[in-house]
C-alpha atoms as a PDB file:
ATOM      1  CA  MET A   1      50.735 264.096 199.398  1.00  0.00           C
ATOM      2  CA  ILE A   2      51.844 267.785 200.377  1.00  0.00           C
ATOM      3  CA  GLY A   3      51.116 268.945 204.201  1.00  0.00           C
ATOM      4  CA  LEU A   4      51.230 265.100 205.318  1.00  0.00           C
ATOM      5  CA  ASN A   5      53.124 264.588 208.455  1.00  0.00           C
ATOM      6  CA  ARG A   6      55.671 261.424 208.627  1.00  0.00           C
ATOM      7  CA  ARG A   7      53.015 259.857 210.004  1.00  0.00           C
ATOM      8  CA  SER A   8      50.270 259.802 207.880  1.00  0.00           C
ATOM      9  CA  LYS A   9      53.045 258.876 205.025  1.00  0.00           C
ATOM     10  CA  LYS A  10      53.887 255.781 206.902  1.00  0.00           C
ATOM     11  CA  GLY A  11      50.105 255.091 206.601  1.00  0.00           C
ATOM     12  CA  ALA A  12      50.003 255.459 203.317  1.00  0.00           C
ATOM     13  CA  LYS A  13      53.037 253.364 202.545  1.00  0.00           C
ATOM     14  CA  MET A  14      51.678 250.331 204.748  1.00  0.00           C
ATOM     15  CA  ARG A  15      48.549 250.959 202.663  1.00  0.00           C
ATOM     16  CA  LYS A  16      50.326 250.283 199.684  1.00  0.00           C
ATOM     17  CA  VAL A  17      52.244 247.251 200.807  1.00  0.00           C
ATOM     18  CA  ALA A  18      48.299 245.735 201.955  1.00  0.00           C
ATOM     19  CA  VAL A  19      46.930 246.210 198.402  1.00  0.00           C
ATOM     20  CA  LEU A  20      50.509 244.849 196.747  1.00  0.00           C
ATOM     21  CA  ALA A  21      50.279 241.657 199.488  1.00  0.00           C
ATOM     22  CA  VAL A  22      46.738 241.613 198.249  1.00  0.00           C
ATOM     23  CA  VAL A  23      47.081 241.822 194.698  1.00  0.00           C
ATOM     24  CA  PHE A  24      49.970 238.680 195.033  1.00  0.00           C
ATOM     25  CA  ALA A  25      47.864 236.791 197.203  1.00  0.00           C
ATOM     26  CA  LEU A  26      45.001 237.048 195.010  1.00  0.00           C
ATOM     27  CA  ASN A  27      47.155 236.182 192.020  1.00  0.00           C
ATOM     28  CA  CYS A  28      49.072 233.185 194.036  1.00  0.00           C
ATOM     29  CA  MET A  29      45.005 231.960 194.651  1.00  0.00           C
ATOM     30  CA  GLN A  30      44.094 232.006 190.693  1.00  0.00           C
ATOM     31  CA  THR A  31      46.796 230.143 189.379  1.00  0.00           C
ATOM     32  CA  GLY A  32      46.647 227.534 192.063  1.00  0.00           C
ATOM     33  CA  ALA A  33      49.824 228.330 193.552  1.00  0.00           C
ATOM     34  CA  GLN A  34      50.745 227.995 197.696  1.00  0.00           C
ATOM     35  CA  LYS A  35      53.288 230.476 197.399  1.00  0.00           C
ATOM     36  CA  LEU A  36      56.229 231.489 195.187  1.00  0.00           C
ATOM     37  CA  PRO A  37      59.134 229.039 195.614  1.00  0.00           C
ATOM     38  CA  SER A  38      61.482 230.572 197.075  1.00  0.00           C
ATOM     39  CA  ASN A  39      63.688 231.594 194.648  1.00  0.00           C
ATOM     40  CA  VAL A  40      61.917 233.351 193.100  1.00  0.00           C
ATOM     41  CA  ALA A  41      61.065 235.240 196.556  1.00  0.00           C
ATOM     42  CA  ASP A  42      64.466 235.791 196.599  1.00  0.00           C
ATOM     43  CA  ALA A  43      64.967 237.024 193.112  1.00  0.00           C
ATOM     44  CA  ALA A  44      62.647 240.015 194.467  1.00  0.00           C
ATOM     45  CA  ILE A  45      64.441 240.948 197.693  1.00  0.00           C
ATOM     46  CA  PHE A  46      67.929 241.554 195.622  1.00  0.00           C
ATOM     47  CA  VAL A  47      65.753 243.673 192.922  1.00  0.00           C
ATOM     48  CA  ARG A  48      63.602 244.942 195.989  1.00  0.00           C
ATOM     49  CA  LYS A  49      67.177 245.679 198.329  1.00  0.00           C
ATOM     50  CA  PHE A  50      69.216 247.124 194.849  1.00  0.00           C
ATOM     51  CA  TYR A  51      65.777 249.865 194.416  1.00  0.00           C
ATOM     52  CA  LYS A  52      66.254 250.611 197.656  1.00  0.00           C
ATOM     53  CA  TRP A  53      70.294 251.363 197.418  1.00  0.00           C
ATOM     54  CA  TYR A  54      69.753 253.017 194.048  1.00  0.00           C
ATOM     55  CA  VAL A  55      66.678 255.053 194.120  1.00  0.00           C
ATOM     56  CA  PRO A  56      68.174 258.491 196.116  1.00  0.00           C
ATOM     57  CA  ILE A  57      71.463 257.786 194.679  1.00  0.00           C
ATOM     58  CA  ALA A  58      69.700 258.175 191.345  1.00  0.00           C
ATOM     59  CA  LYS A  59      67.741 261.279 192.865  1.00  0.00           C
ATOM     60  CA  LYS A  60      70.657 263.484 194.118  1.00  0.00           C
ATOM     61  CA  SER A  61      73.925 262.106 192.209  1.00  0.00           C
ATOM     62  CA  LYS A  62      74.639 264.899 189.290  1.00  0.00           C
ATOM     63  CA  VAL A  63      76.534 262.430 187.120  1.00  0.00           C
ATOM     64  CA  ARG A  64      74.772 258.685 185.638  1.00  0.00           C
ATOM     65  CA  PRO A  65      73.538 256.564 189.135  1.00  0.00           C
ATOM     66  CA  ALA A  66      74.032 253.592 186.903  1.00  0.00           C
ATOM     67  CA  GLU A  67      77.740 254.794 186.602  1.00  0.00           C
ATOM     68  CA  ILE A  68      77.468 254.742 190.366  1.00  0.00           C
ATOM     69  CA  ALA A  69      76.003 251.006 190.310  1.00  0.00           C
ATOM     70  CA  LEU A  70      78.385 249.470 188.446  1.00  0.00           C
ATOM     71  CA  GLN A  71      81.315 250.759 190.335  1.00  0.00           C
ATOM     72  CA  GLU A  72      79.532 249.988 193.756  1.00  0.00           C
ATOM     73  CA  ARG A  73      77.658 247.108 192.741  1.00  0.00           C
ATOM     74  CA  ALA A  74      79.434 245.680 190.357  1.00  0.00           C
ATOM     75  CA  SER A  75      78.856 241.764 191.537  1.00  0.00           C
ATOM     76  CA  SER A  76      74.877 243.045 191.210  1.00  0.00           C
ATOM     77  CA  PHE A  77      75.503 243.088 187.251  1.00  0.00           C
ATOM     78  CA  ASP A  78      75.828 240.403 184.951  1.00  0.00           C
ATOM     79  CA  PRO A  79      79.443 240.752 183.726  1.00  0.00           C
ATOM     80  CA  LYS A  80      77.656 240.810 180.076  1.00  0.00           C
ATOM     81  CA  LEU A  81      75.033 243.749 180.926  1.00  0.00           C
ATOM     82  CA  ALA A  82      78.029 245.644 182.775  1.00  0.00           C
ATOM     83  CA  THR A  83      80.447 245.651 180.299  1.00  0.00           C
ATOM     84  CA  ALA A  84      77.880 246.654 177.400  1.00  0.00           C
ATOM     85  CA  LEU A  85      76.849 249.596 179.582  1.00  0.00           C
ATOM     86  CA  GLU A  86      80.559 250.690 180.772  1.00  0.00           C
ATOM     87  CA  GLU A  87      81.164 250.550 176.711  1.00  0.00           C
ATOM     88  CA  ASP A  88      78.088 252.795 176.278  1.00  0.00           C
ATOM     89  CA  PHE A  89      79.320 255.425 179.006  1.00  0.00           C
ATOM     90  CA  ARG A  90      82.375 255.851 177.623  1.00  0.00           C
ATOM     91  CA  ALA A  91      81.118 255.789 173.894  1.00  0.00           C
ATOM     92  CA  GLN A  92      79.199 258.566 175.057  1.00  0.00           C
ATOM     93  CA  GLU A  93      82.050 260.550 176.986  1.00  0.00           C
ATOM     94  CA  LYS A  94      84.278 260.309 173.856  1.00  0.00           C
ATOM     95  CA  ALA A  95      81.245 262.097 171.474  1.00  0.00           C
ATOM     96  CA  LYS A  96      79.913 265.682 171.073  1.00  0.00           C
ATOM     97  CA  GLU A  97      76.507 264.150 170.078  1.00  0.00           C
ATOM     98  CA  ILE A  98      74.494 261.613 171.535  1.00  0.00           C
ATOM     99  CA  VAL A  99      75.470 258.099 170.450  1.00  0.00           C
ATOM    100  CA  GLY A 100      74.309 256.176 174.231  1.00  0.00           C
ATOM    101  CA  ILE A 101      71.595 256.400 176.389  1.00  0.00           C
ATOM    102  CA  ASP A 102      70.691 259.261 177.785  1.00  0.00           C
ATOM    103  CA  TRP A 103      68.338 258.309 180.744  1.00  0.00           C
ATOM    104  CA  ASP A 104      68.965 256.291 183.505  1.00  0.00           C
ATOM    105  CA  PRO A 105      68.170 252.291 182.286  1.00  0.00           C
ATOM    106  CA  PHE A 106      67.331 250.968 185.782  1.00  0.00           C
ATOM    107  CA  LEU A 107      64.349 253.413 185.875  1.00  0.00           C
ATOM    108  CA  SER A 108      63.795 253.710 182.416  1.00  0.00           C
ATOM    109  CA  GLY A 109      63.603 257.211 182.039  1.00  0.00           C
ATOM    110  CA  GLN A 110      65.042 260.779 182.883  1.00  0.00           C
ATOM    111  CA  ASP A 111      63.120 261.937 185.826  1.00  0.00           C
ATOM    112  CA  THR A 112      63.174 260.057 189.044  1.00  0.00           C
ATOM    113  CA  CYS A 113      59.959 258.855 190.634  1.00  0.00           C
ATOM    114  CA  ASP A 114      59.178 259.393 194.177  1.00  0.00           C
ATOM    115  CA  SER A 115      59.367 255.185 194.987  1.00  0.00           C
ATOM    116  CA  TYR A 116      59.588 251.858 192.640  1.00  0.00           C
ATOM    117  CA  PRO A 117      57.015 249.420 193.944  1.00  0.00           C
ATOM    118  CA  LEU A 118      57.527 246.275 193.032  1.00  0.00           C
ATOM    119  CA  SER A 119      54.956 243.569 191.639  1.00  0.00           C
ATOM    120  CA  THR A 120      54.462 239.566 191.423  1.00  0.00           C
ATOM    121  CA  PRO A 121      57.508 238.478 190.064  1.00  0.00           C
ATOM    122  CA  THR A 122      57.705 235.805 187.600  1.00  0.00           C
ATOM    123  CA  ALA A 123      59.711 232.456 186.966  1.00  0.00           C
ATOM    124  CA  LYS A 124      61.364 231.492 183.660  1.00  0.00           C
ATOM    125  CA  ILE A 125      63.638 228.865 182.682  1.00  0.00           C
ATOM    126  CA  ASN A 126      66.558 230.632 183.760  1.00  0.00           C
ATOM    127  CA  SER A 127      65.729 233.478 185.342  1.00  0.00           C
ATOM    128  CA  VAL A 128      62.928 235.843 187.335  1.00  0.00           C
ATOM    129  CA  LEU A 129      61.390 238.675 185.763  1.00  0.00           C
ATOM    130  CA  VAL A 130      60.500 241.538 188.561  1.00  0.00           C
ATOM    131  CA  PRO A 131      57.946 243.857 187.320  1.00  0.00           C
ATOM    132  CA  VAL A 132      58.946 248.084 188.457  1.00  0.00           C
ATOM    133  CA  PHE A 133      56.230 250.191 188.850  1.00  0.00           C
ATOM    134  CA  CYS A 134      56.446 254.193 189.154  1.00  0.00           C
ATOM    135  CA  GLU A 135      54.758 255.927 191.499  1.00  0.00           C
ATOM    136  CA  GLN A 136      54.627 259.586 191.671  1.00  0.00           C
ATOM    137  CA  GLU A 137      52.678 261.829 193.971  1.00  0.00           C
ATOM    138  CA  GLY A 138      50.793 258.793 195.690  1.00  0.00           C
ATOM    139  CA  LYS A 139      49.806 257.273 192.301  1.00  0.00           C
ATOM    140  CA  LEU A 140      51.304 254.366 190.825  1.00  0.00           C
ATOM    141  CA  SER A 141      51.728 253.544 187.293  1.00  0.00           C
ATOM    142  CA  ALA A 142      49.276 251.711 185.462  1.00  0.00           C
ATOM    143  CA  LYS A 143      52.054 249.095 184.300  1.00  0.00           C
ATOM    144  CA  PRO A 144      55.292 248.532 184.784  1.00  0.00           C
ATOM    145  CA  VAL A 145      57.751 251.164 183.697  1.00  0.00           C
ATOM    146  CA  VAL A 146      60.630 248.708 183.437  1.00  0.00           C
ATOM    147  CA  THR A 147      60.705 244.965 184.496  1.00  0.00           C
ATOM    148  CA  ALA A 148      64.339 243.856 186.020  1.00  0.00           C
ATOM    149  CA  GLU A 149      65.576 240.110 184.388  1.00  0.00           C
ATOM    150  CA  VAL A 150      67.422 238.066 187.021  1.00  0.00           C
ATOM    151  CA  SER A 151      69.177 235.003 187.308  1.00  0.00           C
ATOM    152  CA  TYR A 152      70.836 233.285 189.826  1.00  0.00           C
ATOM    153  CA  ARG A 153      75.285 232.833 189.294  1.00  0.00           C
ATOM    154  CA  ARG A 154      78.260 231.849 191.144  1.00  0.00           C
ATOM    155  CA  GLY A 155      75.715 231.966 194.417  1.00  0.00           C
ATOM    156  CA  GLN A 156      74.009 235.238 194.005  1.00  0.00           C
ATOM    157  CA  TRP A 157      71.257 236.847 191.860  1.00  0.00           C
ATOM    158  CA  VAL A 158      72.485 239.496 189.361  1.00  0.00           C
ATOM    159  CA  PHE A 159      70.889 241.673 187.257  1.00  0.00           C
ATOM    160  CA  THR A 160      70.583 240.485 183.739  1.00  0.00           C
ATOM    161  CA  ASN A 161      68.647 242.795 181.537  1.00  0.00           C
ATOM    162  CA  PHE A 162      66.208 245.375 182.144  1.00  0.00           C
ATOM    163  CA  VAL A 163      62.911 245.057 179.797  1.00  0.00           C
ATOM    164  CA  TYR A 164      60.647 248.044 178.963  1.00  0.00           C
ATOM    165  CA  PRO A 165      57.332 248.724 177.400  1.00  0.00           C
ATOM    166  CA  GLN A 166      58.745 248.807 173.553  1.00  0.00           C
ATOM    167  CA  ASP A 167      62.251 246.896 174.057  1.00  0.00           C
ATOM    168  CA  ASP A 168      65.041 246.053 176.007  1.00  0.00           C
ATOM    169  CA  LEU A 169      68.407 247.622 177.557  1.00  0.00           C
ATOM    170  CA  MET A 170      70.565 244.798 175.849  1.00  0.00           C
ATOM    171  CA  ALA A 171      69.181 244.729 172.635  1.00  0.00           C
ATOM    172  CA  LEU A 172      69.334 248.801 172.926  1.00  0.00           C
ATOM    173  CA  LEU A 173      72.891 248.439 173.527  1.00  0.00           C
ATOM    174  CA  MET A 174      73.777 246.040 171.149  1.00  0.00           C
ATOM    175  CA  GLN A 175      71.984 248.081 168.571  1.00  0.00           C
ATOM    176  CA  LEU A 176      73.800 251.630 169.590  1.00  0.00           C
ATOM    177  CA  LYS A 177      76.782 249.990 169.325  1.00  0.00           C
ATOM    178  CA  GLN A 178      76.234 248.368 166.219  1.00  0.00           C
ATOM    179  CA  GLU A 179      75.742 252.354 164.828  1.00  0.00           C
ATOM    180  CA  ARG A 180      78.301 253.737 166.506  1.00  0.00           C
ATOM    181  CA  GLU A 181      80.859 250.697 164.570  1.00  0.00           C
ATOM    182  CA  LYS A 182      79.159 251.995 161.409  1.00  0.00           C
ATOM    183  CA  HIS A 183      80.428 255.571 161.870  1.00  0.00           C
END
């Protein structure tokens, strides 16, 4: 996308939004649903707003941007998830070797993509799964890089977990904690 002016970048973004809207509409028609329940749509809006705020911080931050998110948006995280992340960060600060996660848990990697478009959310019994893709140099990842799991608690949406292609954040944090306790 080098050399594109601001207007053509905006047009490219609008086309991507249109494509995602068509995919969303087709998915709804295939399942026979008229539209997503508002609570599911609200969950996706919550996730979208978080990533819109978080990605610029992740791109420019020299420290762990996830720590910034926990400090500035503590209410966006389930207390179990926030506590597990904070414990992991503190353990890593004290260690001379890697004893915790050494990548961004919300972006599922060490490198930041240009943007993180969302796909159609899926309602579970007590949560909503919102797939998050990586867009880099105009190319969208074939599969989600992470799926944000959110739940509605105490009158607001909160992140309860982040699911990766092979595992999930809460399970990883528990495993790392157990390994630290053994040593």
